[in-house]
Amino acid sequence: MNIQRREYPDLMEGEFFYDEIIGIAVYTDEGEFLGEVHDIFNTGSNDVYVIKKNKKEYLLPAIKDVIKEIDIVSGRMIITLIDGLLD
């Protein structure tokens, strides 16, 4: 069964549907392009964004310390790197 976007429930500010996030470009707050959101999975405590660029893959926890901005209109996510995040 397909659901049209107009049938989606309303979200609170700062909440997004997975299909809005998958495919957006991810940049550090210093402007470095890390890749695009390829997938999202839930760990129980938070979502994890799978970022891919070429053959590299990063797993970013969807927490406020890391995810600083998601702009669906411009297709960009801004993150802050914390120690060990890209290791």
N, C-alpha and C. Protein backbone atom coordinates (compact mmCIF):
# COMPACT_ATOMS: atom_id res chain seq x y z
N MET A 1 0.84 -1.17 0.00
CA MET A 1 0.00 0.00 0.00
C MET A 1 0.89 1.24 0.00
N ASN A 2 0.66 2.15 -0.90
CA ASN A 2 1.39 3.41 -0.98
C ASN A 2 0.63 4.49 -0.25
N ILE A 3 1.39 5.31 0.48
CA ILE A 3 0.80 6.44 1.18
C ILE A 3 1.33 7.71 0.53
N GLN A 4 0.44 8.59 0.18
CA GLN A 4 0.82 9.88 -0.40
C GLN A 4 1.36 10.80 0.69
N ARG A 5 2.30 11.66 0.33
CA ARG A 5 2.90 12.57 1.30
C ARG A 5 1.84 13.39 2.04
N ARG A 6 0.80 13.79 1.35
CA ARG A 6 -0.24 14.60 2.00
C ARG A 6 -0.96 13.82 3.11
N GLU A 7 -0.81 12.49 3.09
CA GLU A 7 -1.44 11.66 4.10
C GLU A 7 -0.52 11.38 5.29
N TYR A 8 0.73 11.84 5.23
CA TYR A 8 1.66 11.64 6.35
C TYR A 8 1.14 12.40 7.56
N PRO A 9 1.38 11.88 8.74
CA PRO A 9 0.98 12.62 9.94
C PRO A 9 1.89 13.83 10.14
N ASP A 10 1.41 14.80 10.89
CA ASP A 10 2.22 15.97 11.21
C ASP A 10 3.32 15.57 12.17
N LEU A 11 4.48 16.23 12.02
CA LEU A 11 5.61 15.97 12.90
C LEU A 11 5.91 17.20 13.74
N MET A 12 6.59 16.98 14.83
CA MET A 12 7.06 18.07 15.67
C MET A 12 8.27 18.71 14.98
N GLU A 13 8.60 19.94 15.34
CA GLU A 13 9.77 20.60 14.79
C GLU A 13 11.02 19.76 15.11
N GLY A 14 11.87 19.58 14.11
CA GLY A 14 13.08 18.78 14.29
C GLY A 14 12.89 17.30 14.03
N GLU A 15 11.68 16.89 13.70
CA GLU A 15 11.41 15.49 13.35
C GLU A 15 11.28 15.38 11.84
N PHE A 16 11.72 14.24 11.30
CA PHE A 16 11.69 14.02 9.86
C PHE A 16 11.30 12.58 9.57
N PHE A 17 10.75 12.36 8.40
CA PHE A 17 10.51 11.01 7.91
C PHE A 17 11.79 10.49 7.29
N TYR A 18 12.02 9.19 7.40
CA TYR A 18 13.24 8.59 6.86
C TYR A 18 13.43 8.94 5.39
N ASP A 19 12.36 8.90 4.61
CA ASP A 19 12.51 9.16 3.17
C ASP A 19 12.90 10.61 2.88
N GLU A 20 12.77 11.50 3.85
CA GLU A 20 13.22 12.87 3.67
C GLU A 20 14.72 12.99 3.91
N ILE A 21 15.27 12.11 4.71
CA ILE A 21 16.68 12.18 5.09
C ILE A 21 17.56 11.37 4.15
N ILE A 22 17.08 10.21 3.71
CA ILE A 22 17.90 9.37 2.83
C ILE A 22 18.18 10.13 1.54
N GLY A 23 19.48 10.20 1.20
CA GLY A 23 19.91 10.87 -0.02
C GLY A 23 20.45 12.27 0.19
N ILE A 24 20.26 12.87 1.38
CA ILE A 24 20.78 14.22 1.55
C ILE A 24 22.29 14.20 1.81
N ALA A 25 22.94 15.28 1.46
CA ALA A 25 24.38 15.42 1.59
C ALA A 25 24.74 15.76 3.03
N VAL A 26 25.84 15.18 3.50
CA VAL A 26 26.28 15.39 4.88
C VAL A 26 27.62 16.12 4.88
N TYR A 27 27.67 17.22 5.63
CA TYR A 27 28.87 18.05 5.74
C TYR A 27 29.22 18.24 7.21
N THR A 28 30.51 18.35 7.50
CA THR A 28 30.90 18.73 8.84
C THR A 28 30.64 20.22 9.01
N ASP A 29 30.65 20.67 10.24
CA ASP A 29 30.44 22.09 10.49
C ASP A 29 31.63 22.93 10.02
N GLU A 30 32.69 22.26 9.56
CA GLU A 30 33.84 22.96 8.96
C GLU A 30 33.78 22.92 7.43
N GLY A 31 32.69 22.35 6.87
CA GLY A 31 32.47 22.36 5.43
C GLY A 31 32.96 21.14 4.67
N GLU A 32 33.50 20.13 5.35
CA GLU A 32 33.98 18.92 4.67
C GLU A 32 32.79 18.02 4.29
N PHE A 33 32.74 17.64 3.02
CA PHE A 33 31.70 16.74 2.53
C PHE A 33 32.04 15.31 2.93
N LEU A 34 31.13 14.65 3.66
CA LEU A 34 31.36 13.27 4.11
C LEU A 34 30.68 12.24 3.23
N GLY A 35 29.64 12.61 2.52
CA GLY A 35 28.90 11.67 1.69
C GLY A 35 27.41 11.96 1.79
N GLU A 36 26.63 10.94 1.44
CA GLU A 36 25.17 11.06 1.49
C GLU A 36 24.58 10.01 2.42
N VAL A 37 23.44 10.34 2.99
CA VAL A 37 22.74 9.37 3.84
C VAL A 37 22.23 8.26 2.94
N HIS A 38 22.70 7.05 3.19
CA HIS A 38 22.35 5.90 2.37
C HIS A 38 21.25 5.06 3.03
N ASP A 39 21.25 5.03 4.34
CA ASP A 39 20.30 4.19 5.07
C ASP A 39 20.16 4.72 6.48
N ILE A 40 19.13 4.27 7.18
CA ILE A 40 18.90 4.63 8.58
C ILE A 40 18.45 3.38 9.30
N PHE A 41 19.01 3.16 10.48
CA PHE A 41 18.49 2.07 11.30
C PHE A 41 18.35 2.55 12.74
N ASN A 42 17.49 1.88 13.48
CA ASN A 42 17.20 2.26 14.85
C ASN A 42 17.86 1.28 15.80
N THR A 43 18.54 1.82 16.80
CA THR A 43 19.22 0.98 17.78
C THR A 43 18.39 0.77 19.03
N GLY A 44 17.26 1.42 19.11
CA GLY A 44 16.44 1.36 20.31
C GLY A 44 16.53 2.66 21.09
N SER A 45 17.75 3.20 21.21
CA SER A 45 17.90 4.46 21.93
C SER A 45 17.94 5.66 20.98
N ASN A 46 18.41 5.44 19.75
CA ASN A 46 18.44 6.51 18.75
C ASN A 46 18.60 5.90 17.36
N ASP A 47 18.34 6.72 16.36
CA ASP A 47 18.59 6.29 14.98
C ASP A 47 20.08 6.42 14.69
N VAL A 48 20.54 5.68 13.70
CA VAL A 48 21.90 5.78 13.21
C VAL A 48 21.81 6.00 11.70
N TYR A 49 22.50 7.05 11.22
CA TYR A 49 22.52 7.36 9.79
C TYR A 49 23.75 6.71 9.17
N VAL A 50 23.53 5.96 8.10
CA VAL A 50 24.61 5.34 7.36
C VAL A 50 24.99 6.29 6.23
N ILE A 51 26.22 6.82 6.31
CA ILE A 51 26.72 7.79 5.34
C ILE A 51 27.70 7.09 4.42
N LYS A 52 27.52 7.23 3.12
CA LYS A 52 28.42 6.60 2.15
C LYS A 52 28.99 7.65 1.20
N LYS A 53 30.29 7.47 0.91
CA LYS A 53 30.99 8.26 -0.09
C LYS A 53 32.02 7.34 -0.72
N ASN A 54 31.82 7.06 -2.00
CA ASN A 54 32.65 6.09 -2.70
C ASN A 54 32.60 4.77 -1.95
N LYS A 55 33.71 4.26 -1.47
CA LYS A 55 33.72 2.97 -0.76
C LYS A 55 33.75 3.15 0.75
N LYS A 56 33.76 4.39 1.21
CA LYS A 56 33.78 4.65 2.65
C LYS A 56 32.37 4.69 3.19
N GLU A 57 32.24 4.23 4.43
CA GLU A 57 30.94 4.23 5.10
C GLU A 57 31.15 4.69 6.54
N TYR A 58 30.30 5.60 6.98
CA TYR A 58 30.34 6.10 8.33
C TYR A 58 28.99 5.87 8.99
N LEU A 59 29.00 5.59 10.27
CA LEU A 59 27.77 5.43 11.04
C LEU A 59 27.68 6.60 12.01
N LEU A 60 26.67 7.42 11.82
CA LEU A 60 26.50 8.61 12.65
C LEU A 60 25.28 8.46 13.55
N PRO A 61 25.46 8.57 14.86
CA PRO A 61 24.29 8.52 15.74
C PRO A 61 23.47 9.80 15.58
N ALA A 62 22.19 9.65 15.50
CA ALA A 62 21.29 10.80 15.34
C ALA A 62 21.00 11.38 16.72
N ILE A 63 22.04 12.04 17.26
CA ILE A 63 21.92 12.68 18.57
C ILE A 63 22.31 14.15 18.42
N LYS A 64 21.84 14.97 19.36
CA LYS A 64 22.06 16.41 19.26
C LYS A 64 23.52 16.81 19.31
N ASP A 65 24.37 16.01 19.97
CA ASP A 65 25.79 16.33 20.01
C ASP A 65 26.45 16.20 18.64
N VAL A 66 25.86 15.41 17.75
CA VAL A 66 26.44 15.16 16.42
C VAL A 66 25.67 15.90 15.33
N ILE A 67 24.38 15.71 15.26
CA ILE A 67 23.56 16.30 14.19
C ILE A 67 23.18 17.72 14.59
N LYS A 68 23.73 18.69 13.88
CA LYS A 68 23.48 20.09 14.22
C LYS A 68 22.35 20.69 13.41
N GLU A 69 22.21 20.27 12.17
CA GLU A 69 21.17 20.86 11.32
C GLU A 69 20.79 19.87 10.22
N ILE A 70 19.51 19.78 9.97
CA ILE A 70 19.00 19.04 8.82
C ILE A 70 18.11 20.01 8.06
N ASP A 71 18.50 20.27 6.82
CA ASP A 71 17.74 21.18 5.97
C ASP A 71 17.23 20.38 4.78
N ILE A 72 16.00 19.95 4.88
CA ILE A 72 15.40 19.11 3.84
C ILE A 72 15.29 19.86 2.52
N VAL A 73 14.97 21.14 2.58
CA VAL A 73 14.79 21.94 1.37
C VAL A 73 16.08 22.01 0.56
N SER A 74 17.20 22.27 1.23
CA SER A 74 18.48 22.36 0.51
C SER A 74 19.17 21.01 0.38
N GLY A 75 18.64 19.98 1.04
CA GLY A 75 19.22 18.64 0.94
C GLY A 75 20.56 18.51 1.63
N ARG A 76 20.70 19.19 2.79
CA ARG A 76 21.98 19.18 3.52
C ARG A 76 21.78 18.85 5.00
N MET A 77 22.76 18.12 5.52
CA MET A 77 22.85 17.86 6.95
C MET A 77 24.22 18.37 7.40
N ILE A 78 24.24 19.09 8.52
CA ILE A 78 25.48 19.58 9.09
C ILE A 78 25.71 18.83 10.40
N ILE A 79 26.95 18.30 10.54
CA ILE A 79 27.26 17.55 11.75
C ILE A 79 28.51 18.13 12.43
N THR A 80 28.63 17.83 13.71
CA THR A 80 29.85 18.13 14.45
C THR A 80 30.54 16.81 14.73
N LEU A 81 31.81 16.74 14.38
CA LEU A 81 32.57 15.52 14.64
C LEU A 81 32.94 15.45 16.11
N ILE A 82 32.73 14.29 16.70
CA ILE A 82 33.18 14.05 18.07
C ILE A 82 34.26 12.97 18.00
N ASP A 83 35.09 12.90 19.02
CA ASP A 83 36.21 11.96 19.02
C ASP A 83 35.76 10.55 18.69
N GLY A 84 36.47 9.91 17.75
CA GLY A 84 36.22 8.53 17.38
C GLY A 84 35.08 8.30 16.40
N LEU A 85 34.40 9.35 16.01
CA LEU A 85 33.22 9.19 15.17
C LEU A 85 33.53 8.61 13.80
N LEU A 86 34.64 9.01 13.19
CA LEU A 86 34.96 8.54 11.84
C LEU A 86 36.02 7.45 11.83
N ASP A 87 36.38 6.93 13.00
CA ASP A 87 37.39 5.86 13.07
C ASP A 87 36.84 4.52 12.64
